[in-house]
Amino acid sequence: MILLILIYFVFVGVGLPDSLLGSAWPFMAGEYQVSVDSAGILSMTISIGIIIASLSACHLIRKVGFGKAAVCGLGFLLIGLAGYVISPAFGWTFFCCVPLGFGSGLLQTILNDFVAEHYSARHMNWLHGSWGIGAVAGPLLVSAFGQTAAGWRGGYITVVLTEAVLIAAVLFTLPLWKKVQGTGNGKIAEKSEKALVRRSVSVRGKAFVVGQFFMYCSMENAMMLWGASYLISAKGMEASSAARGVSMFFLGITAGRFLGGMLAGKIGNVTMIFGSVMTAAMLDLVLLFTNGAGTAMAVFLLLGLITAPIYPAMLHQTPSFFPQENLQLLMGVQVASAYAGITVMPPLFGKLFTVVSFQLLPVLQMCFLCCVLVCVIVLNQRAAKRQASPA
């Protein structure tokens, strides 16, 4: 239990930097005298680092184990965040994005894999709820320090100290990581690294693994990025009210992860995904045909609440879909495909919305949710066939 609580806190530490940049950027852009859209370069660099680290995490876990790999991830986060604190110009912050993205990618893959292998679906949902706590706390830190002498750097310094404490805590609990890791369903067979990669790449169904995470994260981040623009353009809301609508979506996601954790053990991952997708599709229909601003904001809150359990449920279901020896690499592929969707699709959606209409947002969301459902159905059928076939 001590280790599990620590893992939750580490995931809070993963969520903190994810929201810091967006909140601190107005202060940073003024200080560095760069255009506001320059933040997109930093965000894309972080995402690329996450993708590379996610695909590299399997090798690191096999070499040093989960606990020491988590220390490495936290170390990269600390270096990147500390770099932001001491950066004298915009160019320096660009280089800080590399360790920041690498650390985030490592930690997400390592902790998702560890929890999926050794804990229940409830804990996977609560793990991602912990990320939400960090994501909510980041802007609050920037707001608290923004008007003080420390400025935006005060928020970053606080997070740097938090990451340092987490590193010390993980180092102190390394024996617990080894103990829990030894109680898993079995260690990866002693094969060469190349053989493991070849077997993982040739696994049937991997395209559906990539597809479900790519589609879900594209949909979720399109809501985060373009939700306010949709409410302004399609529902006639003012900018401040539209911003509150998107905050309702974030609030729904955070609450939904913790609520999903309480329900996951009772109804199962696949049922959770089915129910969430079908309910979200109905909410999208309501959003499409309603004109009331209050109703639209309520739907945003409910969409966050209902779709929140989908991502952790897909992650926790992975050990049921594939053999243990392929699991670590496939976990990295999943996180990488998620961030590929986050990086590529929302900007393309933006181009589409400006050419056609923001009214398409709930329609695209329904289409992508249906694609997620198809991927889960196919993977579940393959898993059932594999379990039914003789060993």
Protein backbone atom coordinates (compact mmCIF):
# COMPACT_ATOMS: atom_id res chain seq x y z
CA MET A 1 0.00 0.00 0.00
CA ILE A 2 2.88 2.39 0.77
CA LEU A 3 4.34 1.80 -2.69
CA LEU A 4 0.97 2.30 -4.39
CA ILE A 5 0.42 5.63 -2.62
CA LEU A 6 3.90 6.72 -3.67
CA ILE A 7 3.11 5.79 -7.28
CA TYR A 8 0.01 8.00 -7.10
CA PHE A 9 2.16 10.89 -5.89
CA VAL A 10 4.69 10.29 -8.68
CA PHE A 11 1.86 10.53 -11.21
CA VAL A 12 0.80 13.81 -9.60
CA GLY A 13 4.39 14.84 -10.31
CA VAL A 14 3.89 13.84 -13.96
CA GLY A 15 0.73 15.95 -14.22
CA LEU A 16 2.25 19.10 -12.71
CA PRO A 17 4.58 19.99 -15.65
CA ASP A 18 1.88 19.17 -18.23
CA SER A 19 -0.19 22.20 -17.24
CA LEU A 20 2.61 24.52 -16.07
CA LEU A 21 3.74 25.66 -19.51
CA GLY A 22 0.33 26.79 -20.72
CA SER A 23 -0.31 28.70 -17.51
CA ALA A 24 3.12 30.30 -17.27
CA TRP A 25 3.53 31.04 -20.97
CA PRO A 26 1.85 34.49 -20.98
CA PHE A 27 4.42 35.59 -18.38
CA MET A 28 7.29 33.83 -20.18
CA ALA A 29 6.42 35.19 -23.62
CA GLY A 30 6.46 38.75 -22.28
CA GLU A 31 9.79 38.24 -20.52
CA TYR A 32 11.47 36.56 -23.50
CA GLN A 33 9.81 38.94 -26.01
CA VAL A 34 8.55 36.21 -28.33
CA SER A 35 5.18 35.68 -29.99
CA VAL A 36 2.47 33.82 -28.11
CA ASP A 37 2.34 31.01 -30.69
CA SER A 38 6.00 30.14 -29.96
CA ALA A 39 4.70 27.86 -27.22
CA GLY A 40 3.59 25.45 -29.94
CA ILE A 41 7.24 24.72 -30.76
CA LEU A 42 7.95 23.87 -27.13
CA SER A 43 4.84 21.70 -26.83
CA MET A 44 5.68 19.74 -29.99
CA THR A 45 9.28 19.19 -28.80
CA ILE A 46 8.01 17.82 -25.48
CA SER A 47 5.61 15.48 -27.33
CA ILE A 48 8.39 14.16 -29.56
CA GLY A 49 10.50 13.48 -26.45
CA ILE A 50 7.61 11.61 -24.87
CA ILE A 51 7.17 9.43 -27.97
CA ILE A 52 10.89 8.54 -28.15
CA ALA A 53 11.08 7.80 -24.41
CA SER A 54 7.95 5.65 -24.50
CA LEU A 55 9.48 3.42 -27.15
CA SER A 56 12.77 3.24 -25.19
CA ALA A 57 11.28 2.49 -21.77
CA CYS A 58 11.09 -1.29 -22.31
CA HIS A 59 14.86 -1.50 -22.70
CA LEU A 60 15.45 0.58 -19.56
CA ILE A 61 13.03 -1.49 -17.46
CA ARG A 62 14.72 -4.72 -18.51
CA LYS A 63 18.14 -3.33 -17.64
CA VAL A 64 17.52 -1.68 -14.25
CA GLY A 65 13.99 -2.61 -13.13
CA PHE A 66 10.89 -0.48 -12.57
CA GLY A 67 12.07 1.42 -9.49
CA LYS A 68 15.40 2.64 -10.85
CA ALA A 69 13.75 3.41 -14.21
CA ALA A 70 11.25 5.62 -12.35
CA VAL A 71 14.15 7.44 -10.70
CA CYS A 72 15.64 8.08 -14.16
CA GLY A 73 12.32 9.47 -15.39
CA LEU A 74 11.97 11.78 -12.40
CA GLY A 75 15.57 12.87 -12.85
CA PHE A 76 14.92 13.92 -16.45
CA LEU A 77 11.81 15.82 -15.33
CA LEU A 78 13.81 17.63 -12.64
CA ILE A 79 16.56 18.61 -15.10
CA GLY A 80 14.06 19.97 -17.62
CA LEU A 81 12.07 21.92 -15.01
CA ALA A 82 15.22 23.32 -13.38
CA GLY A 83 16.37 24.40 -16.83
CA TYR A 84 13.21 26.48 -17.20
CA VAL A 85 13.97 28.21 -13.89
CA ILE A 86 17.47 29.29 -14.92
CA SER A 87 16.84 29.89 -18.66
CA PRO A 88 17.86 33.46 -19.59
CA ALA A 89 16.27 33.36 -23.06
CA PHE A 90 13.67 31.49 -25.14
CA GLY A 91 16.27 29.38 -26.94
CA TRP A 92 17.34 27.78 -23.68
CA THR A 93 13.79 26.71 -22.87
CA PHE A 94 13.69 24.81 -26.16
CA PHE A 95 16.58 22.61 -25.00
CA CYS A 96 14.87 22.08 -21.64
CA CYS A 97 11.89 20.52 -23.43
CA VAL A 98 13.99 17.50 -24.43
CA PRO A 99 14.65 16.08 -20.91
CA LEU A 100 11.17 17.22 -19.84
CA GLY A 101 9.48 15.19 -22.58
CA PHE A 102 11.82 12.26 -22.12
CA GLY A 103 11.14 12.10 -18.38
CA SER A 104 7.38 12.32 -18.84
CA GLY A 105 7.39 9.57 -21.49
CA LEU A 106 9.49 7.26 -19.35
CA LEU A 107 7.33 7.73 -16.25
CA GLN A 108 4.04 7.28 -18.06
CA THR A 109 5.17 4.03 -19.68
CA ILE A 110 6.88 2.68 -16.56
CA LEU A 111 4.05 3.40 -14.15
CA ASN A 112 1.27 2.33 -16.53
CA ASP A 113 3.08 -0.95 -17.13
CA PHE A 114 3.78 -1.52 -13.43
CA VAL A 115 0.20 -0.84 -12.33
CA ALA A 116 -1.31 -2.86 -15.20
CA GLU A 117 0.83 -5.87 -14.28
CA HIS A 118 0.54 -5.77 -10.49
CA TYR A 119 -2.64 -3.91 -9.50
CA SER A 120 -6.35 -3.87 -10.29
CA ALA A 121 -8.28 -1.68 -12.74
CA ARG A 122 -9.40 0.47 -9.81
CA HIS A 123 -5.82 1.54 -9.17
CA MET A 124 -5.19 2.28 -12.86
CA ASN A 125 -8.11 4.72 -12.84
CA TRP A 126 -6.92 6.32 -9.61
CA LEU A 127 -3.42 6.57 -11.05
CA HIS A 128 -4.71 8.74 -13.89
CA GLY A 129 -6.94 10.65 -11.49
CA SER A 130 -3.71 11.55 -9.69
CA TRP A 131 -2.40 12.98 -12.94
CA GLY A 132 -5.51 15.18 -13.01
CA ILE A 133 -4.71 16.51 -9.54
CA GLY A 134 -1.26 17.53 -10.75
CA ALA A 135 -2.69 19.10 -13.92
CA VAL A 136 -5.14 21.17 -11.85
CA ALA A 137 -2.48 22.16 -9.29
CA GLY A 138 -0.02 23.46 -11.91
CA PRO A 139 -2.02 26.55 -12.95
CA LEU A 140 -2.85 27.27 -9.30
CA LEU A 141 0.87 27.43 -8.50
CA VAL A 142 1.53 29.80 -11.39
CA SER A 143 -1.41 31.95 -10.29
CA ALA A 144 -0.18 32.03 -6.68
CA PHE A 145 3.36 33.09 -7.59
CA GLY A 146 2.56 35.17 -10.68
CA GLN A 147 2.01 38.41 -8.74
CA THR A 148 4.93 37.89 -6.34
CA ALA A 149 8.62 38.74 -6.69
CA ALA A 150 9.34 35.13 -7.65
CA GLY A 151 7.00 35.40 -10.66
CA TRP A 152 6.26 32.39 -12.84
CA ARG A 153 9.60 30.86 -11.81
CA GLY A 154 8.23 30.44 -8.28
CA GLY A 155 5.75 27.89 -9.57
CA TYR A 156 8.49 26.01 -11.40
CA ILE A 157 10.78 26.07 -8.35
CA THR A 158 7.99 24.53 -6.26
CA VAL A 159 7.57 21.73 -8.79
CA VAL A 160 11.35 21.17 -8.96
CA LEU A 161 11.44 20.70 -5.18
CA THR A 162 8.46 18.34 -5.43
CA GLU A 163 10.24 16.20 -8.04
CA ALA A 164 13.38 16.11 -5.85
CA VAL A 165 11.34 14.84 -2.89
CA LEU A 166 9.75 12.19 -5.12
CA ILE A 167 13.18 11.01 -6.30
CA ALA A 168 14.30 10.59 -2.70
CA ALA A 169 11.10 8.71 -1.85
CA VAL A 170 11.46 6.30 -4.79
CA LEU A 171 15.11 5.65 -3.95
CA PHE A 172 14.12 4.89 -0.34
CA THR A 173 11.45 2.42 -1.49
CA LEU A 174 13.49 0.57 -4.13
CA PRO A 175 13.30 -2.73 -2.17
CA LEU A 176 9.48 -2.49 -2.29
CA TRP A 177 9.54 -2.06 -6.07
CA LYS A 178 11.68 -5.20 -6.39
CA LYS A 179 9.43 -7.14 -4.03
CA VAL A 180 6.23 -6.29 -5.90
CA GLN A 181 7.87 -6.83 -9.28
CA GLY A 182 8.83 -10.33 -8.16
CA THR A 183 5.19 -11.21 -7.42
CA GLY A 184 3.97 -10.58 -10.97
CA ASN A 185 2.58 -13.11 -13.38
CA GLY A 186 6.01 -14.00 -14.53
CA LYS A 187 9.12 -12.22 -15.68
CA ILE A 188 9.96 -11.68 -19.29
CA ALA A 189 11.78 -14.67 -20.72
CA GLU A 190 15.52 -14.37 -20.99
CA LYS A 191 15.79 -13.58 -24.68
CA SER A 192 17.91 -11.17 -26.61
CA GLU A 193 16.65 -7.62 -26.99
CA LYS A 194 16.36 -8.03 -30.76
CA ALA A 195 14.33 -11.23 -30.40
CA LEU A 196 11.90 -9.51 -28.03
CA VAL A 197 11.46 -6.57 -30.38
CA ARG A 198 10.90 -8.89 -33.36
CA ARG A 199 8.26 -10.88 -31.47
CA SER A 200 6.51 -7.74 -30.23
CA VAL A 201 6.47 -6.15 -33.68
CA SER A 202 5.00 -9.32 -35.20
CA VAL A 203 2.22 -9.63 -32.61
CA ARG A 204 -1.17 -9.82 -34.30
CA GLY A 205 -3.50 -7.05 -33.34
CA LYS A 206 -0.87 -4.40 -32.62
CA ALA A 207 -2.46 -2.09 -35.21
CA PHE A 208 -5.65 -2.06 -33.13
CA VAL A 209 -3.61 -1.23 -30.00
CA VAL A 210 -2.09 1.75 -31.79
CA GLY A 211 -5.48 2.69 -33.24
CA GLN A 212 -7.45 2.77 -30.01
CA PHE A 213 -4.99 5.04 -28.21
CA PHE A 214 -4.41 7.26 -31.25
CA MET A 215 -8.15 7.75 -31.72
CA TYR A 216 -9.07 8.31 -28.08
CA CYS A 217 -6.30 10.82 -27.33
CA SER A 218 -6.98 12.68 -30.60
CA MET A 219 -10.61 13.05 -29.55
CA GLU A 220 -9.87 14.05 -25.96
CA ASN A 221 -7.28 16.67 -26.88
CA ALA A 222 -9.46 18.08 -29.65
CA MET A 223 -12.04 18.81 -26.94
CA MET A 224 -9.37 20.43 -24.77
CA LEU A 225 -7.89 22.52 -27.58
CA TRP A 226 -10.98 23.46 -29.59
CA GLY A 227 -13.77 23.12 -27.01
CA ALA A 228 -13.83 26.83 -26.18
CA SER A 229 -13.79 27.80 -29.87
CA TYR A 230 -16.70 25.41 -30.46
CA LEU A 231 -18.76 26.94 -27.65
CA ILE A 232 -18.10 30.45 -28.98
CA SER A 233 -18.70 29.66 -32.66
CA ALA A 234 -21.47 27.07 -32.46
CA LYS A 235 -23.26 28.09 -29.26
CA GLY A 236 -22.70 31.84 -29.26
CA MET A 237 -21.07 31.93 -25.83
CA GLU A 238 -18.71 34.64 -24.62
CA ALA A 239 -15.00 33.80 -24.34
CA SER A 240 -14.98 33.78 -20.53
CA SER A 241 -18.01 31.47 -20.37
CA ALA A 242 -16.49 29.19 -23.02
CA ALA A 243 -13.29 28.92 -20.97
CA ARG A 244 -15.36 27.83 -17.98
CA GLY A 245 -16.98 25.20 -20.20
CA VAL A 246 -13.59 23.68 -21.02
CA SER A 247 -12.65 23.78 -17.33
CA MET A 248 -15.80 21.73 -16.72
CA PHE A 249 -14.44 19.13 -19.14
CA PHE A 250 -11.14 18.97 -17.18
CA LEU A 251 -13.02 18.75 -13.90
CA GLY A 252 -15.15 15.94 -15.30
CA ILE A 253 -12.09 13.97 -16.40
CA THR A 254 -10.43 14.23 -12.98
CA ALA A 255 -13.60 13.25 -11.10
CA GLY A 256 -14.39 10.52 -13.64
CA ARG A 257 -11.03 8.82 -13.14
CA PHE A 258 -11.62 8.45 -9.40
CA LEU A 259 -15.26 7.41 -9.89
CA GLY A 260 -14.21 4.93 -12.56
CA GLY A 261 -11.74 3.42 -10.11
CA MET A 262 -14.58 2.61 -7.73
CA LEU A 263 -16.63 0.97 -10.49
CA ALA A 264 -13.91 -0.80 -12.51
CA GLY A 265 -13.60 -3.83 -10.23
CA LYS A 266 -17.36 -4.38 -10.33
CA ILE A 267 -18.14 -4.05 -14.04
CA GLY A 268 -14.78 -4.78 -15.75
CA ASN A 269 -12.66 -2.86 -18.25
CA VAL A 270 -14.45 -3.86 -21.45
CA THR A 271 -17.93 -3.12 -20.06
CA MET A 272 -16.59 0.19 -18.76
CA ILE A 273 -15.33 1.14 -22.22
CA PHE A 274 -18.56 0.05 -23.95
CA GLY A 275 -20.75 1.98 -21.52
CA SER A 276 -18.58 5.09 -21.66
CA VAL A 277 -18.46 5.16 -25.47
CA MET A 278 -22.20 4.65 -25.92
CA THR A 279 -23.11 7.24 -23.27
CA ALA A 280 -20.62 9.75 -24.67
CA ALA A 281 -22.08 9.30 -28.17
CA MET A 282 -25.55 10.15 -26.85
CA LEU A 283 -24.15 13.21 -25.06
CA ASP A 284 -22.51 14.32 -28.33
CA LEU A 285 -25.92 14.12 -30.02
CA VAL A 286 -27.36 16.33 -27.27
CA LEU A 287 -24.47 18.77 -27.74
CA LEU A 288 -25.01 18.80 -31.50
CA PHE A 289 -28.70 19.64 -31.38
CA THR A 290 -28.98 21.82 -28.27
CA ASN A 291 -28.68 25.59 -28.38
CA GLY A 292 -28.61 26.44 -24.68
CA ALA A 293 -25.29 27.62 -23.26
CA GLY A 294 -26.07 26.11 -19.86
CA THR A 295 -26.89 22.75 -21.40
CA ALA A 296 -23.69 22.83 -23.46
CA MET A 297 -21.58 23.46 -20.34
CA ALA A 298 -23.36 20.63 -18.51
CA VAL A 299 -22.68 18.30 -21.45
CA PHE A 300 -18.97 19.25 -21.38
CA LEU A 301 -18.82 18.31 -17.71
CA LEU A 302 -20.62 15.00 -18.35
CA LEU A 303 -18.45 14.20 -21.38
CA GLY A 304 -15.32 14.56 -19.25
CA LEU A 305 -16.90 12.45 -16.50
CA ILE A 306 -18.08 9.69 -18.86
CA THR A 307 -15.02 9.41 -21.13
CA ALA A 308 -12.47 9.65 -18.27
CA PRO A 309 -12.31 5.88 -17.51
CA ILE A 310 -11.69 4.87 -21.16
CA TYR A 311 -7.94 5.58 -21.28
CA PRO A 312 -6.98 3.82 -18.00
CA ALA A 313 -9.34 0.92 -18.83
CA MET A 314 -7.60 0.38 -22.20
CA LEU A 315 -4.21 0.46 -20.48
CA HIS A 316 -5.23 -2.00 -17.77
CA GLN A 317 -6.75 -4.38 -20.33
CA THR A 318 -3.48 -4.71 -22.26
CA PRO A 319 -2.13 -7.69 -20.23
CA SER A 320 -5.31 -9.59 -21.19
CA PHE A 321 -4.75 -8.94 -24.87
CA PHE A 322 -1.10 -9.97 -25.25
CA PRO A 323 1.51 -12.38 -23.83
CA GLN A 324 3.55 -11.15 -20.86
CA GLU A 325 6.79 -11.13 -22.84
CA ASN A 326 5.40 -8.52 -25.26
CA LEU A 327 3.78 -6.34 -22.62
CA GLN A 328 6.49 -3.81 -21.77
CA LEU A 329 7.26 -2.87 -25.36
CA LEU A 330 3.56 -2.66 -26.24
CA MET A 331 2.94 -0.38 -23.26
CA GLY A 332 5.53 1.97 -24.72
CA VAL A 333 3.92 1.73 -28.15
CA GLN A 334 0.56 2.64 -26.60
CA VAL A 335 1.86 5.77 -24.90
CA ALA A 336 3.73 6.73 -28.08
CA SER A 337 0.61 6.30 -30.24
CA ALA A 338 -1.39 8.36 -27.73
CA TYR A 339 1.02 11.26 -28.01
CA ALA A 340 1.22 10.88 -31.77
CA GLY A 341 -2.53 11.50 -31.81
CA ILE A 342 -2.15 14.44 -29.43
CA THR A 343 0.57 15.98 -31.62
CA VAL A 344 -0.86 15.40 -35.09
CA MET A 345 -4.66 15.38 -35.04
CA PRO A 346 -5.86 18.46 -33.06
CA PRO A 347 -4.04 20.90 -35.42
CA LEU A 348 -5.57 19.08 -38.42
CA PHE A 349 -8.98 19.34 -36.77
CA GLY A 350 -8.39 23.07 -36.39
CA LYS A 351 -7.75 23.44 -40.13
CA LEU A 352 -10.92 21.45 -40.88
CA PHE A 353 -13.03 23.51 -38.48
CA THR A 354 -11.87 26.81 -39.94
CA VAL A 355 -12.65 25.63 -43.50
CA VAL A 356 -15.99 23.93 -42.74
CA SER A 357 -17.48 24.62 -39.29
CA PHE A 358 -16.86 24.08 -35.58
CA GLN A 359 -20.23 22.28 -35.57
CA LEU A 360 -18.23 19.23 -36.69
CA LEU A 361 -16.58 18.79 -33.28
CA PRO A 362 -19.23 16.50 -31.70
CA VAL A 363 -19.59 14.61 -35.01
CA LEU A 364 -15.85 13.90 -35.16
CA GLN A 365 -15.89 12.93 -31.50
CA MET A 366 -18.61 10.34 -32.16
CA CYS A 367 -16.68 8.94 -35.15
CA PHE A 368 -13.44 8.60 -33.19
CA LEU A 369 -15.22 7.01 -30.22
CA CYS A 370 -16.78 4.45 -32.56
CA CYS A 371 -13.29 3.64 -33.93
CA VAL A 372 -12.07 3.12 -30.35
CA LEU A 373 -14.96 0.72 -29.75
CA VAL A 374 -14.16 -1.27 -32.90
CA CYS A 375 -10.51 -1.64 -31.85
CA VAL A 376 -11.50 -2.83 -28.36
CA ILE A 377 -13.98 -5.37 -29.79
CA VAL A 378 -11.38 -6.83 -32.16
CA LEU A 379 -8.71 -7.01 -29.45
CA ASN A 380 -11.15 -8.65 -27.03
CA GLN A 381 -12.09 -11.27 -29.62
CA ARG A 382 -8.44 -12.04 -30.32
CA ALA A 383 -7.74 -12.37 -26.59
CA ALA A 384 -10.67 -14.77 -26.19
CA LYS A 385 -9.40 -16.93 -29.08
CA ARG A 386 -5.87 -16.96 -27.65
CA GLN A 387 -7.11 -18.05 -24.20
CA ALA A 388 -9.33 -20.74 -25.72
CA SER A 389 -6.56 -22.22 -27.89
CA PRO A 390 -4.28 -24.90 -26.37
CA ALA A 391 -0.99 -23.66 -24.92
